[in-house]
Amino acid sequence: MALLTALTALALQTTAACGVDDAEHARLMALDEDAFDQDMQGGWRAVANQGPDCFIPAAELIQDYVALHGAANLQRPGLAHWHAGQMFAMAGETERALPELRLSYRPENDNEMNAMWNRYADGTIAFLERDRDALIAARNALPDAPMSNRGVLDGLINCWDRPMMEAYQQDCRSGE
């Protein structure tokens, strides 16, 4: 409990600059999972949407949420970890991003959607680890279908020499 209290205090310090005071932090932690993670204008995204300086505080809020509620009690804990990893990666914090991204892997068990997700995660991790061959292999393992995230991996390949925040953008996906 003391560790959670210390982590929460640290997160509050880093998120204060992004409009998350004690009351807002408590409000965010009390949200249900969908409101916290899937509301494109609310939850952690409202913090991240303030700009790149708020990506790390947004990631730390997600970590707080998972720690407070427990991964076993969430419907989609892997997705929460993915979003924390994305925010760290966008902020250039690769070493903090990688463990979170790896926690997003799903059991495949002949489930095509989970297998596609895992290849997408493989490609994203390969980009961050600067392993172009692994990124290309992951991209080639995905079908050319909207739900496969193949276009995102195309963007990472097309903009290989750019930071994640730039390579993830739409203009890289289209090869512009």
N, C-alpha and C. Protein backbone atom coordinates (compact mmCIF):
# COMPACT_ATOMS: atom_id res chain seq x y z
N MET A 1 0.83 -1.19 0.00
CA MET A 1 0.00 0.00 0.00
C MET A 1 0.87 1.26 0.00
N ALA A 2 1.99 1.22 0.75
CA ALA A 2 2.88 2.37 0.81
C ALA A 2 3.48 2.65 -0.56
N LEU A 3 3.80 1.59 -1.31
CA LEU A 3 4.36 1.77 -2.66
C LEU A 3 3.33 2.44 -3.56
N LEU A 4 2.08 2.00 -3.50
CA LEU A 4 1.04 2.62 -4.31
C LEU A 4 0.85 4.08 -3.93
N THR A 5 0.90 4.41 -2.66
CA THR A 5 0.78 5.79 -2.20
C THR A 5 1.94 6.63 -2.73
N ALA A 6 3.16 6.09 -2.69
CA ALA A 6 4.33 6.81 -3.20
C ALA A 6 4.23 7.00 -4.70
N LEU A 7 3.80 5.96 -5.42
CA LEU A 7 3.65 6.07 -6.87
C LEU A 7 2.58 7.10 -7.23
N THR A 8 1.50 7.10 -6.50
CA THR A 8 0.43 8.06 -6.75
C THR A 8 0.92 9.49 -6.49
N ALA A 9 1.66 9.70 -5.44
CA ALA A 9 2.19 11.04 -5.14
C ALA A 9 3.12 11.51 -6.25
N LEU A 10 3.97 10.63 -6.73
CA LEU A 10 4.88 10.99 -7.82
C LEU A 10 4.11 11.30 -9.09
N ALA A 11 3.12 10.50 -9.41
CA ALA A 11 2.31 10.74 -10.60
C ALA A 11 1.57 12.07 -10.50
N LEU A 12 1.09 12.40 -9.31
CA LEU A 12 0.39 13.67 -9.13
C LEU A 12 1.31 14.85 -9.40
N GLN A 13 2.57 14.75 -9.00
CA GLN A 13 3.52 15.83 -9.26
C GLN A 13 3.74 16.01 -10.75
N THR A 14 3.90 14.91 -11.47
CA THR A 14 4.20 15.02 -12.90
C THR A 14 2.97 15.38 -13.73
N THR A 15 1.78 15.07 -13.25
CA THR A 15 0.59 15.38 -14.02
C THR A 15 0.01 16.75 -13.70
N ALA A 16 0.46 17.39 -12.64
CA ALA A 16 -0.09 18.69 -12.26
C ALA A 16 0.05 19.71 -13.39
N ALA A 17 1.16 19.66 -14.10
CA ALA A 17 1.37 20.59 -15.21
C ALA A 17 0.40 20.34 -16.37
N CYS A 18 -0.21 19.19 -16.39
CA CYS A 18 -1.16 18.85 -17.46
C CYS A 18 -2.61 18.92 -16.99
N GLY A 19 -2.83 19.64 -15.89
CA GLY A 19 -4.19 19.88 -15.42
C GLY A 19 -4.76 18.78 -14.54
N VAL A 20 -3.91 17.91 -14.03
CA VAL A 20 -4.41 16.84 -13.19
C VAL A 20 -3.95 17.08 -11.75
N ASP A 21 -4.82 17.73 -10.99
CA ASP A 21 -4.56 17.94 -9.57
C ASP A 21 -5.09 16.73 -8.79
N ASP A 22 -5.04 16.79 -7.47
CA ASP A 22 -5.48 15.67 -6.65
C ASP A 22 -6.93 15.26 -6.96
N ALA A 23 -7.81 16.24 -7.07
CA ALA A 23 -9.22 15.95 -7.32
C ALA A 23 -9.42 15.32 -8.69
N GLU A 24 -8.73 15.84 -9.70
CA GLU A 24 -8.87 15.29 -11.05
C GLU A 24 -8.29 13.88 -11.11
N HIS A 25 -7.17 13.67 -10.44
CA HIS A 25 -6.58 12.32 -10.40
C HIS A 25 -7.57 11.34 -9.78
N ALA A 26 -8.17 11.72 -8.67
CA ALA A 26 -9.16 10.85 -8.01
C ALA A 26 -10.35 10.59 -8.92
N ARG A 27 -10.80 11.63 -9.63
CA ARG A 27 -11.93 11.46 -10.56
C ARG A 27 -11.57 10.48 -11.67
N LEU A 28 -10.37 10.64 -12.24
CA LEU A 28 -9.95 9.74 -13.32
C LEU A 28 -9.83 8.30 -12.83
N MET A 29 -9.30 8.12 -11.63
CA MET A 29 -9.13 6.77 -11.09
C MET A 29 -10.48 6.11 -10.79
N ALA A 30 -11.52 6.91 -10.56
CA ALA A 30 -12.85 6.37 -10.25
C ALA A 30 -13.66 6.03 -11.50
N LEU A 31 -13.19 6.44 -12.68
CA LEU A 31 -13.93 6.15 -13.91
C LEU A 31 -13.98 4.65 -14.17
N ASP A 32 -15.05 4.21 -14.86
CA ASP A 32 -15.05 2.81 -15.28
C ASP A 32 -14.05 2.66 -16.42
N GLU A 33 -13.72 1.43 -16.73
CA GLU A 33 -12.65 1.15 -17.69
C GLU A 33 -12.90 1.79 -19.06
N ASP A 34 -14.12 1.69 -19.57
CA ASP A 34 -14.40 2.29 -20.88
C ASP A 34 -14.23 3.81 -20.85
N ALA A 35 -14.75 4.45 -19.82
CA ALA A 35 -14.64 5.91 -19.74
C ALA A 35 -13.18 6.33 -19.59
N PHE A 36 -12.39 5.56 -18.85
CA PHE A 36 -10.99 5.91 -18.66
C PHE A 36 -10.16 5.66 -19.91
N ASP A 37 -10.40 4.53 -20.58
CA ASP A 37 -9.51 4.13 -21.66
C ASP A 37 -10.05 4.36 -23.07
N GLN A 38 -11.35 4.33 -23.26
CA GLN A 38 -11.88 4.36 -24.63
C GLN A 38 -12.54 5.67 -25.03
N ASP A 39 -12.79 6.56 -24.10
CA ASP A 39 -13.37 7.86 -24.43
C ASP A 39 -12.29 8.71 -25.11
N MET A 40 -12.48 9.02 -26.38
CA MET A 40 -11.44 9.71 -27.15
C MET A 40 -11.20 11.14 -26.69
N GLN A 41 -12.10 11.71 -25.92
CA GLN A 41 -11.92 13.07 -25.40
C GLN A 41 -11.83 13.11 -23.88
N GLY A 42 -11.93 11.94 -23.25
CA GLY A 42 -11.92 11.89 -21.79
C GLY A 42 -10.86 10.95 -21.27
N GLY A 43 -10.96 10.61 -20.00
CA GLY A 43 -10.00 9.70 -19.39
C GLY A 43 -8.57 10.17 -19.59
N TRP A 44 -7.68 9.21 -19.77
CA TRP A 44 -6.26 9.54 -19.95
C TRP A 44 -6.02 10.34 -21.22
N ARG A 45 -6.88 10.15 -22.23
CA ARG A 45 -6.69 10.83 -23.51
C ARG A 45 -6.86 12.35 -23.39
N ALA A 46 -7.70 12.79 -22.48
CA ALA A 46 -7.85 14.24 -22.27
C ALA A 46 -6.54 14.86 -21.81
N VAL A 47 -5.76 14.10 -21.10
CA VAL A 47 -4.44 14.57 -20.66
C VAL A 47 -3.48 14.54 -21.85
N ALA A 48 -3.42 13.41 -22.55
CA ALA A 48 -2.51 13.27 -23.69
C ALA A 48 -2.82 14.27 -24.79
N ASN A 49 -4.10 14.57 -24.98
CA ASN A 49 -4.51 15.49 -26.05
C ASN A 49 -4.01 16.92 -25.84
N GLN A 50 -3.45 17.20 -24.67
CA GLN A 50 -2.91 18.54 -24.40
C GLN A 50 -1.56 18.75 -25.08
N GLY A 51 -0.96 17.69 -25.60
CA GLY A 51 0.28 17.83 -26.33
C GLY A 51 1.39 16.93 -25.82
N PRO A 52 2.49 16.91 -26.55
CA PRO A 52 3.60 16.00 -26.24
C PRO A 52 4.14 16.10 -24.82
N ASP A 53 4.09 17.26 -24.20
CA ASP A 53 4.58 17.38 -22.83
C ASP A 53 3.71 16.62 -21.84
N CYS A 54 2.55 16.21 -22.27
CA CYS A 54 1.63 15.49 -21.38
C CYS A 54 1.55 14.00 -21.69
N PHE A 55 2.38 13.51 -22.63
CA PHE A 55 2.36 12.07 -22.95
C PHE A 55 2.84 11.22 -21.77
N ILE A 56 3.92 11.62 -21.14
CA ILE A 56 4.42 10.83 -20.01
C ILE A 56 3.43 10.88 -18.84
N PRO A 57 2.90 12.05 -18.47
CA PRO A 57 1.88 12.04 -17.42
C PRO A 57 0.66 11.17 -17.79
N ALA A 58 0.27 11.16 -19.06
CA ALA A 58 -0.86 10.31 -19.48
C ALA A 58 -0.51 8.84 -19.28
N ALA A 59 0.71 8.46 -19.67
CA ALA A 59 1.14 7.07 -19.49
C ALA A 59 1.17 6.69 -18.02
N GLU A 60 1.64 7.60 -17.20
CA GLU A 60 1.69 7.33 -15.77
C GLU A 60 0.30 7.23 -15.15
N LEU A 61 -0.64 7.99 -15.68
CA LEU A 61 -2.03 7.85 -15.22
C LEU A 61 -2.57 6.47 -15.55
N ILE A 62 -2.24 5.99 -16.74
CA ILE A 62 -2.69 4.64 -17.12
C ILE A 62 -2.06 3.61 -16.18
N GLN A 63 -0.79 3.76 -15.89
CA GLN A 63 -0.14 2.84 -14.96
C GLN A 63 -0.80 2.90 -13.58
N ASP A 64 -1.12 4.10 -13.12
CA ASP A 64 -1.82 4.25 -11.84
C ASP A 64 -3.16 3.52 -11.87
N TYR A 65 -3.89 3.67 -12.98
CA TYR A 65 -5.21 3.06 -13.11
C TYR A 65 -5.10 1.54 -13.03
N VAL A 66 -4.15 0.98 -13.76
CA VAL A 66 -3.96 -0.48 -13.75
C VAL A 66 -3.54 -0.93 -12.35
N ALA A 67 -2.63 -0.20 -11.71
CA ALA A 67 -2.18 -0.57 -10.36
C ALA A 67 -3.33 -0.49 -9.36
N LEU A 68 -4.14 0.54 -9.46
CA LEU A 68 -5.24 0.72 -8.51
C LEU A 68 -6.32 -0.34 -8.68
N HIS A 69 -6.69 -0.61 -9.93
CA HIS A 69 -7.80 -1.53 -10.19
C HIS A 69 -7.34 -2.98 -10.32
N GLY A 70 -6.08 -3.20 -10.59
CA GLY A 70 -5.54 -4.54 -10.77
C GLY A 70 -5.82 -5.06 -12.16
N ALA A 71 -4.79 -5.49 -12.83
CA ALA A 71 -4.93 -5.99 -14.21
C ALA A 71 -5.96 -7.11 -14.29
N ALA A 72 -6.01 -7.97 -13.28
CA ALA A 72 -6.95 -9.09 -13.29
C ALA A 72 -8.40 -8.63 -13.24
N ASN A 73 -8.63 -7.41 -12.79
CA ASN A 73 -10.00 -6.90 -12.68
C ASN A 73 -10.43 -6.09 -13.91
N LEU A 74 -9.53 -5.89 -14.85
CA LEU A 74 -9.86 -5.12 -16.05
C LEU A 74 -10.26 -6.07 -17.18
N GLN A 75 -11.18 -5.61 -18.03
CA GLN A 75 -11.60 -6.41 -19.17
C GLN A 75 -10.49 -6.47 -20.23
N ARG A 76 -9.75 -5.37 -20.39
CA ARG A 76 -8.72 -5.28 -21.42
C ARG A 76 -7.41 -4.74 -20.84
N PRO A 77 -6.78 -5.47 -19.92
CA PRO A 77 -5.56 -4.95 -19.32
C PRO A 77 -4.44 -4.76 -20.35
N GLY A 78 -4.38 -5.64 -21.35
CA GLY A 78 -3.36 -5.52 -22.37
C GLY A 78 -3.48 -4.23 -23.15
N LEU A 79 -4.70 -3.79 -23.39
CA LEU A 79 -4.91 -2.54 -24.12
C LEU A 79 -4.48 -1.34 -23.29
N ALA A 80 -4.71 -1.39 -22.00
CA ALA A 80 -4.24 -0.31 -21.12
C ALA A 80 -2.72 -0.25 -21.15
N HIS A 81 -2.07 -1.41 -21.06
CA HIS A 81 -0.61 -1.43 -21.14
C HIS A 81 -0.13 -0.91 -22.49
N TRP A 82 -0.83 -1.29 -23.55
CA TRP A 82 -0.46 -0.82 -24.89
C TRP A 82 -0.50 0.71 -24.95
N HIS A 83 -1.57 1.28 -24.43
CA HIS A 83 -1.70 2.74 -24.49
C HIS A 83 -0.63 3.43 -23.65
N ALA A 84 -0.30 2.86 -22.50
CA ALA A 84 0.80 3.44 -21.70
C ALA A 84 2.10 3.35 -22.49
N GLY A 85 2.35 2.20 -23.11
CA GLY A 85 3.55 2.03 -23.92
C GLY A 85 3.60 2.99 -25.09
N GLN A 86 2.46 3.19 -25.75
CA GLN A 86 2.41 4.15 -26.86
C GLN A 86 2.78 5.55 -26.40
N MET A 87 2.22 5.95 -25.28
CA MET A 87 2.51 7.30 -24.79
C MET A 87 3.99 7.46 -24.44
N PHE A 88 4.55 6.46 -23.78
CA PHE A 88 5.99 6.52 -23.48
C PHE A 88 6.80 6.56 -24.77
N ALA A 89 6.42 5.74 -25.75
CA ALA A 89 7.15 5.71 -27.03
C ALA A 89 7.05 7.05 -27.75
N MET A 90 5.87 7.64 -27.76
CA MET A 90 5.68 8.93 -28.43
C MET A 90 6.52 10.02 -27.75
N ALA A 91 6.76 9.86 -26.45
CA ALA A 91 7.56 10.84 -25.71
C ALA A 91 9.05 10.53 -25.81
N GLY A 92 9.41 9.48 -26.53
CA GLY A 92 10.81 9.12 -26.68
C GLY A 92 11.37 8.31 -25.53
N GLU A 93 10.51 7.81 -24.66
CA GLU A 93 10.92 7.01 -23.50
C GLU A 93 10.84 5.51 -23.83
N THR A 94 11.70 5.08 -24.74
CA THR A 94 11.67 3.71 -25.23
C THR A 94 11.81 2.68 -24.12
N GLU A 95 12.72 2.90 -23.20
CA GLU A 95 12.94 1.92 -22.13
C GLU A 95 11.72 1.75 -21.24
N ARG A 96 10.93 2.77 -21.12
CA ARG A 96 9.69 2.67 -20.33
C ARG A 96 8.57 2.11 -21.20
N ALA A 97 8.64 2.33 -22.51
CA ALA A 97 7.60 1.87 -23.43
C ALA A 97 7.62 0.36 -23.62
N LEU A 98 8.80 -0.20 -23.80
CA LEU A 98 8.90 -1.61 -24.18
C LEU A 98 8.23 -2.58 -23.22
N PRO A 99 8.44 -2.48 -21.90
CA PRO A 99 7.76 -3.43 -21.01
C PRO A 99 6.24 -3.31 -21.08
N GLU A 100 5.75 -2.10 -21.21
CA GLU A 100 4.29 -1.90 -21.31
C GLU A 100 3.75 -2.54 -22.59
N LEU A 101 4.44 -2.31 -23.71
CA LEU A 101 4.00 -2.87 -24.99
C LEU A 101 4.01 -4.40 -24.94
N ARG A 102 5.01 -4.96 -24.29
CA ARG A 102 5.09 -6.43 -24.20
C ARG A 102 3.96 -7.02 -23.36
N LEU A 103 3.46 -6.24 -22.41
CA LEU A 103 2.33 -6.70 -21.60
C LEU A 103 1.01 -6.71 -22.38
N SER A 104 1.02 -6.21 -23.60
CA SER A 104 -0.20 -6.17 -24.39
C SER A 104 -0.43 -7.43 -25.21
N TYR A 105 0.57 -8.32 -25.28
CA TYR A 105 0.41 -9.54 -26.08
C TYR A 105 -0.80 -10.33 -25.62
N ARG A 106 -1.46 -10.94 -26.59
CA ARG A 106 -2.68 -11.70 -26.33
C ARG A 106 -2.44 -13.17 -26.62
N PRO A 107 -3.10 -14.07 -25.91
CA PRO A 107 -2.97 -15.49 -26.23
C PRO A 107 -3.59 -15.76 -27.60
N GLU A 108 -2.85 -16.43 -28.45
CA GLU A 108 -3.33 -16.61 -29.82
C GLU A 108 -4.35 -17.72 -29.92
N ASN A 109 -4.08 -18.90 -29.40
CA ASN A 109 -5.05 -20.01 -29.38
C ASN A 109 -5.90 -20.07 -30.65
N ASP A 110 -5.26 -20.03 -31.80
CA ASP A 110 -5.95 -20.07 -33.09
C ASP A 110 -6.93 -18.92 -33.28
N ASN A 111 -6.70 -17.82 -32.61
CA ASN A 111 -7.54 -16.63 -32.74
C ASN A 111 -6.84 -15.66 -33.68
N GLU A 112 -7.39 -15.47 -34.87
CA GLU A 112 -6.75 -14.65 -35.89
C GLU A 112 -6.57 -13.20 -35.47
N MET A 113 -7.55 -12.64 -34.78
CA MET A 113 -7.45 -11.24 -34.34
C MET A 113 -6.31 -11.07 -33.33
N ASN A 114 -6.19 -12.01 -32.40
CA ASN A 114 -5.11 -11.94 -31.42
C ASN A 114 -3.75 -12.12 -32.09
N ALA A 115 -3.68 -13.01 -33.07
CA ALA A 115 -2.42 -13.21 -33.80
C ALA A 115 -2.04 -11.94 -34.56
N MET A 116 -3.02 -11.28 -35.17
CA MET A 116 -2.73 -10.02 -35.87
C MET A 116 -2.26 -8.96 -34.89
N TRP A 117 -2.91 -8.89 -33.74
CA TRP A 117 -2.49 -7.93 -32.72
C TRP A 117 -1.03 -8.16 -32.33
N ASN A 118 -0.69 -9.41 -32.10
CA ASN A 118 0.66 -9.74 -31.65
C ASN A 118 1.70 -9.41 -32.73
N ARG A 119 1.35 -9.59 -34.00
CA ARG A 119 2.29 -9.21 -35.06
C ARG A 119 2.45 -7.68 -35.11
N TYR A 120 1.35 -6.97 -34.89
CA TYR A 120 1.40 -5.51 -34.82
C TYR A 120 2.30 -5.07 -33.67
N ALA A 121 2.12 -5.72 -32.52
CA ALA A 121 2.98 -5.41 -31.37
C ALA A 121 4.43 -5.75 -31.69
N ASP A 122 4.66 -6.90 -32.32
CA ASP A 122 6.03 -7.27 -32.71
C ASP A 122 6.67 -6.18 -33.56
N GLY A 123 5.91 -5.68 -34.54
CA GLY A 123 6.44 -4.66 -35.44
C GLY A 123 6.74 -3.36 -34.73
N THR A 124 5.85 -2.95 -33.86
CA THR A 124 6.05 -1.71 -33.11
C THR A 124 7.27 -1.83 -32.20
N ILE A 125 7.39 -2.95 -31.52
CA ILE A 125 8.54 -3.19 -30.65
C ILE A 125 9.82 -3.23 -31.48
N ALA A 126 9.77 -3.86 -32.64
CA ALA A 126 10.96 -3.92 -33.51
C ALA A 126 11.38 -2.51 -33.94
N PHE A 127 10.41 -1.65 -34.24
CA PHE A 127 10.75 -0.27 -34.59
C PHE A 127 11.49 0.41 -33.44
N LEU A 128 10.96 0.26 -32.24
CA LEU A 128 11.57 0.90 -31.08
C LEU A 128 12.94 0.30 -30.75
N GLU A 129 13.12 -0.98 -31.02
CA GLU A 129 14.41 -1.63 -30.78
C GLU A 129 15.37 -1.45 -31.95
N ARG A 130 14.90 -0.75 -32.99
CA ARG A 130 15.70 -0.47 -34.18
C ARG A 130 16.10 -1.73 -34.93
N ASP A 131 15.16 -2.68 -35.04
CA ASP A 131 15.36 -3.94 -35.76
C ASP A 131 14.46 -3.92 -37.00
N ARG A 132 15.00 -3.33 -38.07
CA ARG A 132 14.22 -3.15 -39.30
C ARG A 132 13.76 -4.49 -39.90
N ASP A 133 14.63 -5.49 -39.86
CA ASP A 133 14.26 -6.80 -40.43
C ASP A 133 13.06 -7.39 -39.68
N ALA A 134 13.06 -7.29 -38.37
CA ALA A 134 11.93 -7.81 -37.58
C ALA A 134 10.67 -7.00 -37.84
N LEU A 135 10.80 -5.71 -38.03
CA LEU A 135 9.65 -4.86 -38.36
C LEU A 135 9.05 -5.28 -39.70
N ILE A 136 9.89 -5.47 -40.69
CA ILE A 136 9.41 -5.88 -42.02
C ILE A 136 8.76 -7.26 -41.95
N ALA A 137 9.36 -8.17 -41.19
CA ALA A 137 8.78 -9.51 -41.05
C ALA A 137 7.40 -9.44 -40.39
N ALA A 138 7.27 -8.62 -39.36
CA ALA A 138 5.97 -8.48 -38.69
C ALA A 138 4.94 -7.88 -39.64
N ARG A 139 5.35 -6.86 -40.38
CA ARG A 139 4.45 -6.23 -41.35
C ARG A 139 4.01 -7.24 -42.41
N ASN A 140 4.95 -8.04 -42.90
CA ASN A 140 4.62 -9.02 -43.94
C ASN A 140 3.75 -10.16 -43.42
N ALA A 141 3.74 -10.38 -42.12
CA ALA A 141 2.91 -11.42 -41.52
C ALA A 141 1.46 -10.98 -41.36
N LEU A 142 1.20 -9.69 -41.56
CA LEU A 142 -0.17 -9.17 -41.43
C LEU A 142 -0.88 -9.16 -42.77
N PRO A 143 -2.17 -9.49 -42.77
CA PRO A 143 -2.92 -9.38 -44.01
C PRO A 143 -3.17 -7.91 -44.36
N ASP A 144 -3.41 -7.65 -45.60
CA ASP A 144 -3.72 -6.29 -46.04
C ASP A 144 -5.21 -6.05 -45.77
N ALA A 145 -5.53 -5.81 -44.51
CA ALA A 145 -6.92 -5.63 -44.08
C ALA A 145 -6.95 -4.50 -43.06
N PRO A 146 -8.06 -3.75 -43.00
CA PRO A 146 -8.14 -2.59 -42.10
C PRO A 146 -7.85 -2.92 -40.64
N MET A 147 -8.29 -4.04 -40.15
CA MET A 147 -8.13 -4.37 -38.73
C MET A 147 -6.73 -4.89 -38.41
N SER A 148 -5.88 -5.06 -39.41
CA SER A 148 -4.58 -5.69 -39.17
C SER A 148 -3.51 -4.70 -38.70
N ASN A 149 -3.75 -3.41 -38.83
CA ASN A 149 -2.76 -2.38 -38.49
C ASN A 149 -1.52 -2.44 -39.39
N ARG A 150 -1.64 -3.09 -40.54
CA ARG A 150 -0.52 -3.18 -41.47
C ARG A 150 -0.08 -1.78 -41.93
N GLY A 151 -1.05 -0.90 -42.13
CA GLY A 151 -0.73 0.47 -42.55
C GLY A 151 0.12 1.21 -41.53
N VAL A 152 -0.11 0.96 -40.26
CA VAL A 152 0.71 1.59 -39.22
C VAL A 152 2.15 1.11 -39.34
N LEU A 153 2.33 -0.19 -39.53
CA LEU A 153 3.68 -0.72 -39.68
C LEU A 153 4.32 -0.23 -40.97
N ASP A 154 3.52 -0.05 -42.03
CA ASP A 154 4.05 0.57 -43.26
C ASP A 154 4.62 1.95 -42.94
N GLY A 155 3.92 2.70 -42.12
CA GLY A 155 4.38 4.03 -41.74
C GLY A 155 5.69 3.98 -40.98
N LEU A 156 5.83 3.00 -40.10
CA LEU A 156 7.07 2.88 -39.34
C LEU A 156 8.24 2.52 -40.26
N ILE A 157 7.96 1.73 -41.28
CA ILE A 157 8.99 1.39 -42.26
C ILE A 157 9.31 2.61 -43.12
N ASN A 158 8.27 3.27 -43.62
CA ASN A 158 8.46 4.42 -44.51
C ASN A 158 9.22 5.56 -43.82
N CYS A 159 9.03 5.70 -42.53
CA CYS A 159 9.66 6.79 -41.79
C CYS A 159 10.62 6.24 -40.73
N TRP A 160 11.35 5.25 -41.13
CA TRP A 160 12.28 4.53 -40.26
C TRP A 160 13.21 5.45 -39.49
N ASP A 161 13.68 6.48 -40.11
CA ASP A 161 14.67 7.36 -39.48
C ASP A 161 14.06 8.48 -38.65
N ARG A 162 12.77 8.46 -38.47
CA ARG A 162 12.11 9.49 -37.66
C ARG A 162 11.75 8.95 -36.28
N PRO A 163 11.52 9.83 -35.33
CA PRO A 163 11.05 9.38 -34.01
C PRO A 163 9.66 8.77 -34.12
N MET A 164 9.31 7.95 -33.16
CA MET A 164 8.01 7.27 -33.15
C MET A 164 6.85 8.25 -33.33
N MET A 165 6.91 9.39 -32.67
CA MET A 165 5.81 10.35 -32.75
C MET A 165 5.56 10.79 -34.19
N GLU A 166 6.60 10.90 -34.99
CA GLU A 166 6.44 11.28 -36.39
C GLU A 166 6.10 10.07 -37.25
N ALA A 167 6.80 8.96 -37.03
CA ALA A 167 6.61 7.77 -37.87
C ALA A 167 5.21 7.18 -37.73
N TYR A 168 4.53 7.46 -36.63
CA TYR A 168 3.19 6.93 -36.39
C TYR A 168 2.11 7.72 -37.13
N GLN A 169 2.45 8.89 -37.64
CA GLN A 169 1.46 9.77 -38.26
C GLN A 169 1.00 9.27 -39.63
N GLN A 170 -0.15 9.75 -40.04
CA GLN A 170 -0.77 9.34 -41.29
C GLN A 170 0.10 9.59 -42.51
N ASP A 171 0.84 10.71 -42.55
CA ASP A 171 1.64 10.99 -43.74
C ASP A 171 2.72 9.95 -43.96
N CYS A 172 3.22 9.32 -42.91
CA CYS A 172 4.19 8.24 -43.07
C CYS A 172 3.51 6.98 -43.61
N ARG A 173 2.30 6.73 -43.23
CA ARG A 173 1.57 5.54 -43.68
C ARG A 173 1.32 5.58 -45.17
N SER A 174 1.11 6.77 -45.68
CA SER A 174 0.83 6.89 -47.12
C SER A 174 2.11 7.07 -47.92
N GLY A 175 3.24 7.12 -47.25
CA GLY A 175 4.52 7.22 -47.93
C GLY A 175 4.87 8.62 -48.38
N GLU A 176 4.15 9.61 -47.88
CA GLU A 176 4.43 11.00 -48.29
C GLU A 176 5.68 11.54 -47.65
